[in-house]
Amino acid sequence: MTSRLVRFKQVDVFTSVPFKGNPLAVVFDADSLGDDAMLAIARWTNLSETTFVCSPTDPEADYRVRIFTPGGELPFAG
């Protein structure tokens, strides 16, 4: 297995207080990542949710987000 650099941010959601709320990983420019890679990253972060920002498939949208837990992909979260 080859490794590559994947940049992400960990943010606190559902709060305005640092280090409170729900930690969430956000992986940017995720178009080149396959399902297996996204799942592996979600398992590595070990957070309740890891999001992957991709190019939109809908011409009206600005972006598309895929959401993974360590157990698999979610159709929606929030």
PDB file of N, CA and C in Angstrom:
ATOM      1  N   MET A   1       0.846  -1.177   0.000  1.00  0.00           N
ATOM      2  CA  MET A   1       0.000   0.000   0.000  1.00  0.00           C
ATOM      3  C   MET A   1       0.894   1.243   0.000  1.00  0.00           C
ATOM      4  N   THR A   2       0.621   2.151  -0.901  1.00  0.00           N
ATOM      5  CA  THR A   2       1.387   3.394  -0.940  1.00  0.00           C
ATOM      6  C   THR A   2       0.715   4.437  -0.060  1.00  0.00           C
ATOM      7  N   SER A   3       1.518   5.336   0.452  1.00  0.00           N
ATOM      8  CA  SER A   3       0.949   6.393   1.285  1.00  0.00           C
ATOM      9  C   SER A   3       1.040   7.710   0.537  1.00  0.00           C
ATOM     10  N   ARG A   4       0.154   8.622   0.895  1.00  0.00           N
ATOM     11  CA  ARG A   4       0.181   9.952   0.313  1.00  0.00           C
ATOM     12  C   ARG A   4      -0.308  10.941   1.348  1.00  0.00           C
ATOM     13  N   LEU A   5       0.028  12.171   1.148  1.00  0.00           N
ATOM     14  CA  LEU A   5      -0.360  13.229   2.068  1.00  0.00           C
ATOM     15  C   LEU A   5      -1.804  13.634   1.801  1.00  0.00           C
ATOM     16  N   VAL A   6      -2.615  13.618   2.843  1.00  0.00           N
ATOM     17  CA  VAL A   6      -4.009  14.065   2.751  1.00  0.00           C
ATOM     18  C   VAL A   6      -4.188  15.159   3.790  1.00  0.00           C
ATOM     19  N   ARG A   7      -4.476  16.349   3.334  1.00  0.00           N
ATOM     20  CA  ARG A   7      -4.644  17.481   4.252  1.00  0.00           C
ATOM     21  C   ARG A   7      -6.075  17.526   4.762  1.00  0.00           C
ATOM     22  N   PHE A   8      -6.202  17.776   6.065  1.00  0.00           N
ATOM     23  CA  PHE A   8      -7.528  17.899   6.654  1.00  0.00           C
ATOM     24  C   PHE A   8      -7.469  18.861   7.827  1.00  0.00           C
ATOM     25  N   LYS A   9      -8.640  19.299   8.246  1.00  0.00           N
ATOM     26  CA  LYS A   9      -8.781  20.137   9.438  1.00  0.00           C
ATOM     27  C   LYS A   9      -9.703  19.408  10.399  1.00  0.00           C
ATOM     28  N   GLN A  10      -9.437  19.554  11.683  1.00  0.00           N
ATOM     29  CA  GLN A  10     -10.370  19.061  12.695  1.00  0.00           C
ATOM     30  C   GLN A  10     -11.023  20.281  13.315  1.00  0.00           C
ATOM     31  N   VAL A  11     -12.348  20.325  13.267  1.00  0.00           N
ATOM     32  CA  VAL A  11     -13.094  21.477  13.765  1.00  0.00           C
ATOM     33  C   VAL A  11     -14.079  21.027  14.837  1.00  0.00           C
ATOM     34  N   ASP A  12     -14.470  21.964  15.683  1.00  0.00           N
ATOM     35  CA  ASP A  12     -15.492  21.715  16.700  1.00  0.00           C
ATOM     36  C   ASP A  12     -16.817  22.253  16.171  1.00  0.00           C
ATOM     37  N   VAL A  13     -17.823  21.383  16.046  1.00  0.00           N
ATOM     38  CA  VAL A  13     -19.128  21.804  15.544  1.00  0.00           C
ATOM     39  C   VAL A  13     -20.159  21.787  16.667  1.00  0.00           C
ATOM     40  N   PHE A  14     -21.238  22.510  16.453  1.00  0.00           N
ATOM     41  CA  PHE A  14     -22.333  22.631  17.423  1.00  0.00           C
ATOM     42  C   PHE A  14     -21.894  23.328  18.705  1.00  0.00           C
ATOM     43  N   THR A  15     -20.940  24.258  18.589  1.00  0.00           N
ATOM     44  CA  THR A  15     -20.478  25.016  19.748  1.00  0.00           C
ATOM     45  C   THR A  15     -19.798  26.296  19.283  1.00  0.00           C
ATOM     46  N   SER A  16     -19.715  27.258  20.162  1.00  0.00           N
ATOM     47  CA  SER A  16     -18.915  28.455  19.894  1.00  0.00           C
ATOM     48  C   SER A  16     -17.724  28.517  20.847  1.00  0.00           C
ATOM     49  N   VAL A  17     -17.561  27.459  21.653  1.00  0.00           N
ATOM     50  CA  VAL A  17     -16.492  27.385  22.646  1.00  0.00           C
ATOM     51  C   VAL A  17     -15.425  26.399  22.154  1.00  0.00           C
ATOM     52  N   PRO A  18     -14.163  26.832  22.059  1.00  0.00           N
ATOM     53  CA  PRO A  18     -13.110  25.912  21.612  1.00  0.00           C
ATOM     54  C   PRO A  18     -13.020  24.657  22.493  1.00  0.00           C
ATOM     55  N   PHE A  19     -12.751  23.535  21.844  1.00  0.00           N
ATOM     56  CA  PHE A  19     -12.563  22.235  22.506  1.00  0.00           C
ATOM     57  C   PHE A  19     -13.835  21.709  23.158  1.00  0.00           C
ATOM     58  N   LYS A  20     -14.974  22.208  22.722  1.00  0.00           N
ATOM     59  CA  LYS A  20     -16.281  21.696  23.162  1.00  0.00           C
ATOM     60  C   LYS A  20     -17.027  21.237  21.919  1.00  0.00           C
ATOM     61  N   GLY A  21     -18.249  20.811  22.084  1.00  0.00           N
ATOM     62  CA  GLY A  21     -19.041  20.396  20.929  1.00  0.00           C
ATOM     63  C   GLY A  21     -18.599  19.044  20.400  1.00  0.00           C
ATOM     64  N   ASN A  22     -18.777  18.862  19.111  1.00  0.00           N
ATOM     65  CA  ASN A  22     -18.472  17.594  18.463  1.00  0.00           C
ATOM     66  C   ASN A  22     -17.282  17.775  17.521  1.00  0.00           C
ATOM     67  N   PRO A  23     -16.169  17.054  17.716  1.00  0.00           N
ATOM     68  CA  PRO A  23     -15.049  17.170  16.788  1.00  0.00           C
ATOM     69  C   PRO A  23     -15.390  16.511  15.449  1.00  0.00           C
ATOM     70  N   LEU A  24     -15.008  17.171  14.377  1.00  0.00           N
ATOM     71  CA  LEU A  24     -15.306  16.704  13.031  1.00  0.00           C
ATOM     72  C   LEU A  24     -14.076  16.911  12.155  1.00  0.00           C
ATOM     73  N   ALA A  25     -13.702  15.895  11.397  1.00  0.00           N
ATOM     74  CA  ALA A  25     -12.598  16.033  10.441  1.00  0.00           C
ATOM     75  C   ALA A  25     -13.169  16.443   9.091  1.00  0.00           C
ATOM     76  N   VAL A  26     -12.515  17.404   8.441  1.00  0.00           N
ATOM     77  CA  VAL A  26     -12.916  17.871   7.113  1.00  0.00           C
ATOM     78  C   VAL A  26     -11.728  17.687   6.172  1.00  0.00           C
ATOM     79  N   VAL A  27     -11.888  16.811   5.194  1.00  0.00           N
ATOM     80  CA  VAL A  27     -10.849  16.552   4.202  1.00  0.00           C
ATOM     81  C   VAL A  27     -11.222  17.328   2.938  1.00  0.00           C
ATOM     82  N   PHE A  28     -10.345  18.228   2.509  1.00  0.00           N
ATOM     83  CA  PHE A  28     -10.599  19.057   1.332  1.00  0.00           C
ATOM     84  C   PHE A  28     -10.042  18.389   0.075  1.00  0.00           C
ATOM     85  N   ASP A  29     -10.553  18.799  -1.080  1.00  0.00           N
ATOM     86  CA  ASP A  29     -10.052  18.292  -2.374  1.00  0.00           C
ATOM     87  C   ASP A  29     -10.007  16.769  -2.393  1.00  0.00           C
ATOM     88  N   ALA A  30     -11.127  16.144  -2.065  1.00  0.00           N
ATOM     89  CA  ALA A  30     -11.167  14.690  -1.891  1.00  0.00           C
ATOM     90  C   ALA A  30     -11.571  13.927  -3.150  1.00  0.00           C
ATOM     91  N   ASP A  31     -11.652  14.600  -4.292  1.00  0.00           N
ATOM     92  CA  ASP A  31     -12.097  13.934  -5.521  1.00  0.00           C
ATOM     93  C   ASP A  31     -11.257  12.718  -5.898  1.00  0.00           C
ATOM     94  N   SER A  32      -9.986  12.736  -5.600  1.00  0.00           N
ATOM     95  CA  SER A  32      -9.107  11.633  -6.011  1.00  0.00           C
ATOM     96  C   SER A  32      -9.144  10.451  -5.047  1.00  0.00           C
ATOM     97  N   LEU A  33      -9.868  10.580  -3.949  1.00  0.00           N
ATOM     98  CA  LEU A  33      -9.937   9.496  -2.965  1.00  0.00           C
ATOM     99  C   LEU A  33     -11.089   8.552  -3.292  1.00  0.00           C
ATOM    100  N   GLY A  34     -10.810   7.274  -3.265  1.00  0.00           N
ATOM    101  CA  GLY A  34     -11.857   6.281  -3.464  1.00  0.00           C
ATOM    102  C   GLY A  34     -12.560   5.955  -2.151  1.00  0.00           C
ATOM    103  N   ASP A  35     -13.600   5.159  -2.244  1.00  0.00           N
ATOM    104  CA  ASP A  35     -14.366   4.768  -1.060  1.00  0.00           C
ATOM    105  C   ASP A  35     -13.487   4.111   0.001  1.00  0.00           C
ATOM    106  N   ASP A  36     -12.606   3.203  -0.421  1.00  0.00           N
ATOM    107  CA  ASP A  36     -11.742   2.500   0.538  1.00  0.00           C
ATOM    108  C   ASP A  36     -10.806   3.464   1.254  1.00  0.00           C
ATOM    109  N   ALA A  37     -10.269   4.435   0.517  1.00  0.00           N
ATOM    110  CA  ALA A  37      -9.373   5.421   1.132  1.00  0.00           C
ATOM    111  C   ALA A  37     -10.140   6.302   2.114  1.00  0.00           C
ATOM    112  N   MET A  38     -11.346   6.713   1.731  1.00  0.00           N
ATOM    113  CA  MET A  38     -12.158   7.540   2.637  1.00  0.00           C
ATOM    114  C   MET A  38     -12.480   6.782   3.918  1.00  0.00           C
ATOM    115  N   LEU A  39     -12.831   5.525   3.783  1.00  0.00           N
ATOM    116  CA  LEU A  39     -13.121   4.718   4.968  1.00  0.00           C
ATOM    117  C   LEU A  39     -11.871   4.547   5.828  1.00  0.00           C
ATOM    118  N   ALA A  40     -10.727   4.321   5.208  1.00  0.00           N
ATOM    119  CA  ALA A  40      -9.476   4.168   5.966  1.00  0.00           C
ATOM    120  C   ALA A  40      -9.139   5.451   6.724  1.00  0.00           C
ATOM    121  N   ILE A  41      -9.341   6.593   6.099  1.00  0.00           N
ATOM    122  CA  ILE A  41      -9.082   7.870   6.771  1.00  0.00           C
ATOM    123  C   ILE A  41     -10.057   8.062   7.921  1.00  0.00           C
ATOM    124  N   ALA A  42     -11.327   7.748   7.708  1.00  0.00           N
ATOM    125  CA  ALA A  42     -12.324   7.869   8.777  1.00  0.00           C
ATOM    126  C   ALA A  42     -11.972   6.964   9.955  1.00  0.00           C
ATOM    127  N   ARG A  43     -11.496   5.783   9.668  1.00  0.00           N
ATOM    128  CA  ARG A  43     -11.081   4.877  10.753  1.00  0.00           C
ATOM    129  C   ARG A  43      -9.851   5.426  11.467  1.00  0.00           C
ATOM    130  N   TRP A  44      -8.936   6.035  10.717  1.00  0.00           N
ATOM    131  CA  TRP A  44      -7.720   6.594  11.316  1.00  0.00           C
ATOM    132  C   TRP A  44      -8.050   7.780  12.217  1.00  0.00           C
ATOM    133  N   THR A  45      -8.937   8.690  11.772  1.00  0.00           N
ATOM    134  CA  THR A  45      -9.287   9.837  12.615  1.00  0.00           C
ATOM    135  C   THR A  45     -10.047   9.377  13.849  1.00  0.00           C
ATOM    136  N   ASN A  46     -10.811   8.286  13.710  1.00  0.00           N
ATOM    137  CA  ASN A  46     -11.570   7.700  14.815  1.00  0.00           C
ATOM    138  C   ASN A  46     -12.529   8.706  15.459  1.00  0.00           C
ATOM    139  N   LEU A  47     -13.058   9.610  14.651  1.00  0.00           N
ATOM    140  CA  LEU A  47     -14.068  10.554  15.128  1.00  0.00           C
ATOM    141  C   LEU A  47     -15.445  10.022  14.751  1.00  0.00           C
ATOM    142  N   SER A  48     -16.483  10.596  15.337  1.00  0.00           N
ATOM    143  CA  SER A  48     -17.826  10.126  15.010  1.00  0.00           C
ATOM    144  C   SER A  48     -18.146  10.352  13.539  1.00  0.00           C
ATOM    145  N   GLU A  49     -17.579  11.413  12.939  1.00  0.00           N
ATOM    146  CA  GLU A  49     -17.784  11.669  11.516  1.00  0.00           C
ATOM    147  C   GLU A  49     -16.542  12.318  10.906  1.00  0.00           C
ATOM    148  N   THR A  50     -16.240  11.912   9.687  1.00  0.00           N
ATOM    149  CA  THR A  50     -15.196  12.539   8.876  1.00  0.00           C
ATOM    150  C   THR A  50     -15.849  12.907   7.556  1.00  0.00           C
ATOM    151  N   THR A  51     -15.718  14.167   7.156  1.00  0.00           N
ATOM    152  CA  THR A  51     -16.350  14.627   5.921  1.00  0.00           C
ATOM    153  C   THR A  51     -15.302  14.829   4.832  1.00  0.00           C
ATOM    154  N   PHE A  52     -15.725  14.612   3.593  1.00  0.00           N
ATOM    155  CA  PHE A  52     -14.859  14.737   2.430  1.00  0.00           C
ATOM    156  C   PHE A  52     -15.516  15.699   1.451  1.00  0.00           C
ATOM    157  N   VAL A  53     -14.838  16.808   1.176  1.00  0.00           N
ATOM    158  CA  VAL A  53     -15.374  17.828   0.278  1.00  0.00           C
ATOM    159  C   VAL A  53     -14.922  17.501  -1.141  1.00  0.00           C
ATOM    160  N   CYS A  54     -15.912  17.306  -2.023  1.00  0.00           N
ATOM    161  CA  CYS A  54     -15.658  16.909  -3.408  1.00  0.00           C
ATOM    162  C   CYS A  54     -16.295  17.913  -4.370  1.00  0.00           C
ATOM    163  N   SER A  55     -15.942  17.785  -5.634  1.00  0.00           N
ATOM    164  CA  SER A  55     -16.584  18.602  -6.662  1.00  0.00           C
ATOM    165  C   SER A  55     -18.055  18.208  -6.763  1.00  0.00           C
ATOM    166  N   PRO A  56     -18.915  19.153  -7.117  1.00  0.00           N
ATOM    167  CA  PRO A  56     -20.348  18.841  -7.180  1.00  0.00           C
ATOM    168  C   PRO A  56     -20.693  17.961  -8.382  1.00  0.00           C
ATOM    169  N   THR A  57     -21.727  17.161  -8.230  1.00  0.00           N
ATOM    170  CA  THR A  57     -22.288  16.414  -9.355  1.00  0.00           C
ATOM    171  C   THR A  57     -23.519  17.128  -9.893  1.00  0.00           C
ATOM    172  N   ASP A  58     -24.085  18.030  -9.112  1.00  0.00           N
ATOM    173  CA  ASP A  58     -25.227  18.851  -9.510  1.00  0.00           C
ATOM    174  C   ASP A  58     -24.695  20.199 -10.004  1.00  0.00           C
ATOM    175  N   PRO A  59     -25.046  20.615 -11.217  1.00  0.00           N
ATOM    176  CA  PRO A  59     -24.520  21.878 -11.739  1.00  0.00           C
ATOM    177  C   PRO A  59     -24.945  23.106 -10.937  1.00  0.00           C
ATOM    178  N   GLU A  60     -25.967  22.984 -10.117  1.00  0.00           N
ATOM    179  CA  GLU A  60     -26.438  24.098  -9.287  1.00  0.00           C
ATOM    180  C   GLU A  60     -25.659  24.208  -7.973  1.00  0.00           C
ATOM    181  N   ALA A  61     -24.897  23.177  -7.631  1.00  0.00           N
ATOM    182  CA  ALA A  61     -24.199  23.133  -6.337  1.00  0.00           C
ATOM    183  C   ALA A  61     -22.784  23.691  -6.446  1.00  0.00           C
ATOM    184  N   ASP A  62     -22.264  24.133  -5.317  1.00  0.00           N
ATOM    185  CA  ASP A  62     -20.886  24.621  -5.241  1.00  0.00           C
ATOM    186  C   ASP A  62     -19.909  23.512  -4.855  1.00  0.00           C
ATOM    187  N   TYR A  63     -20.384  22.501  -4.143  1.00  0.00           N
ATOM    188  CA  TYR A  63     -19.545  21.393  -3.701  1.00  0.00           C
ATOM    189  C   TYR A  63     -20.442  20.228  -3.317  1.00  0.00           C
ATOM    190  N   ARG A  64     -19.828  19.087  -3.050  1.00  0.00           N
ATOM    191  CA  ARG A  64     -20.517  17.876  -2.595  1.00  0.00           C
ATOM    192  C   ARG A  64     -19.762  17.372  -1.385  1.00  0.00           C
ATOM    193  N   VAL A  65     -20.475  16.878  -0.384  1.00  0.00           N
ATOM    194  CA  VAL A  65     -19.838  16.372   0.829  1.00  0.00           C
ATOM    195  C   VAL A  65     -20.225  14.911   1.020  1.00  0.00           C
ATOM    196  N   ARG A  66     -19.219  14.087   1.240  1.00  0.00           N
ATOM    197  CA  ARG A  66     -19.448  12.692   1.609  1.00  0.00           C
ATOM    198  C   ARG A  66     -19.067  12.549   3.074  1.00  0.00           C
ATOM    199  N   ILE A  67     -19.847  11.773   3.813  1.00  0.00           N
ATOM    200  CA  ILE A  67     -19.682  11.651   5.257  1.00  0.00           C
ATOM    201  C   ILE A  67     -19.417  10.188   5.605  1.00  0.00           C
ATOM    202  N   PHE A  68     -18.324   9.968   6.327  1.00  0.00           N
ATOM    203  CA  PHE A  68     -17.966   8.616   6.752  1.00  0.00           C
ATOM    204  C   PHE A  68     -17.809   8.566   8.266  1.00  0.00           C
ATOM    205  N   THR A  69     -18.192   7.439   8.841  1.00  0.00           N
ATOM    206  CA  THR A  69     -17.867   7.095  10.222  1.00  0.00           C
ATOM    207  C   THR A  69     -16.818   5.988  10.137  1.00  0.00           C
ATOM    208  N   PRO A  70     -16.244   5.565  11.254  1.00  0.00           N
ATOM    209  CA  PRO A  70     -15.329   4.421  11.184  1.00  0.00           C
ATOM    210  C   PRO A  70     -16.003   3.146  10.661  1.00  0.00           C
ATOM    211  N   GLY A  71     -17.346   3.114  10.671  1.00  0.00           N
ATOM    212  CA  GLY A  71     -18.075   1.936  10.203  1.00  0.00           C
ATOM    213  C   GLY A  71     -18.537   1.986   8.759  1.00  0.00           C
ATOM    214  N   GLY A  72     -18.490   3.151   8.134  1.00  0.00           N
ATOM    215  CA  GLY A  72     -18.937   3.247   6.748  1.00  0.00           C
ATOM    216  C   GLY A  72     -19.503   4.612   6.409  1.00  0.00           C
ATOM    217  N   GLU A  73     -20.021   4.715   5.193  1.00  0.00           N
ATOM    218  CA  GLU A  73     -20.541   5.996   4.706  1.00  0.00           C
ATOM    219  C   GLU A  73     -21.964   6.229   5.198  1.00  0.00           C
ATOM    220  N   LEU A  74     -22.270   7.483   5.506  1.00  0.00           N
ATOM    221  CA  LEU A  74     -23.610   7.898   5.902  1.00  0.00           C
ATOM    222  C   LEU A  74     -24.269   8.647   4.745  1.00  0.00           C
ATOM    223  N   PRO A  75     -25.586   8.480   4.575  1.00  0.00           N
ATOM    224  CA  PRO A  75     -26.257   9.237   3.521  1.00  0.00           C
ATOM    225  C   PRO A  75     -26.436  10.710   3.882  1.00  0.00           C
ATOM    226  N   PHE A  76     -26.481  11.000   5.185  1.00  0.00           N
ATOM    227  CA  PHE A  76     -26.701  12.365   5.661  1.00  0.00           C
ATOM    228  C   PHE A  76     -26.340  12.413   7.138  1.00  0.00           C
ATOM    229  N   ALA A  77     -25.946  13.578   7.604  1.00  0.00           N
ATOM    230  CA  ALA A  77     -25.675  13.762   9.037  1.00  0.00           C
ATOM    231  C   ALA A  77     -26.003  15.194   9.405  1.00  0.00           C
ATOM    232  N   GLY A  78     -26.156  15.433  10.686  1.00  0.00           N
ATOM    233  CA  GLY A  78     -26.387  16.800  11.113  1.00  0.00           C
ATOM    234  C   GLY A  78     -27.198  16.825  12.338  1.00  0.00           C
TER     235      GLY A  78
END
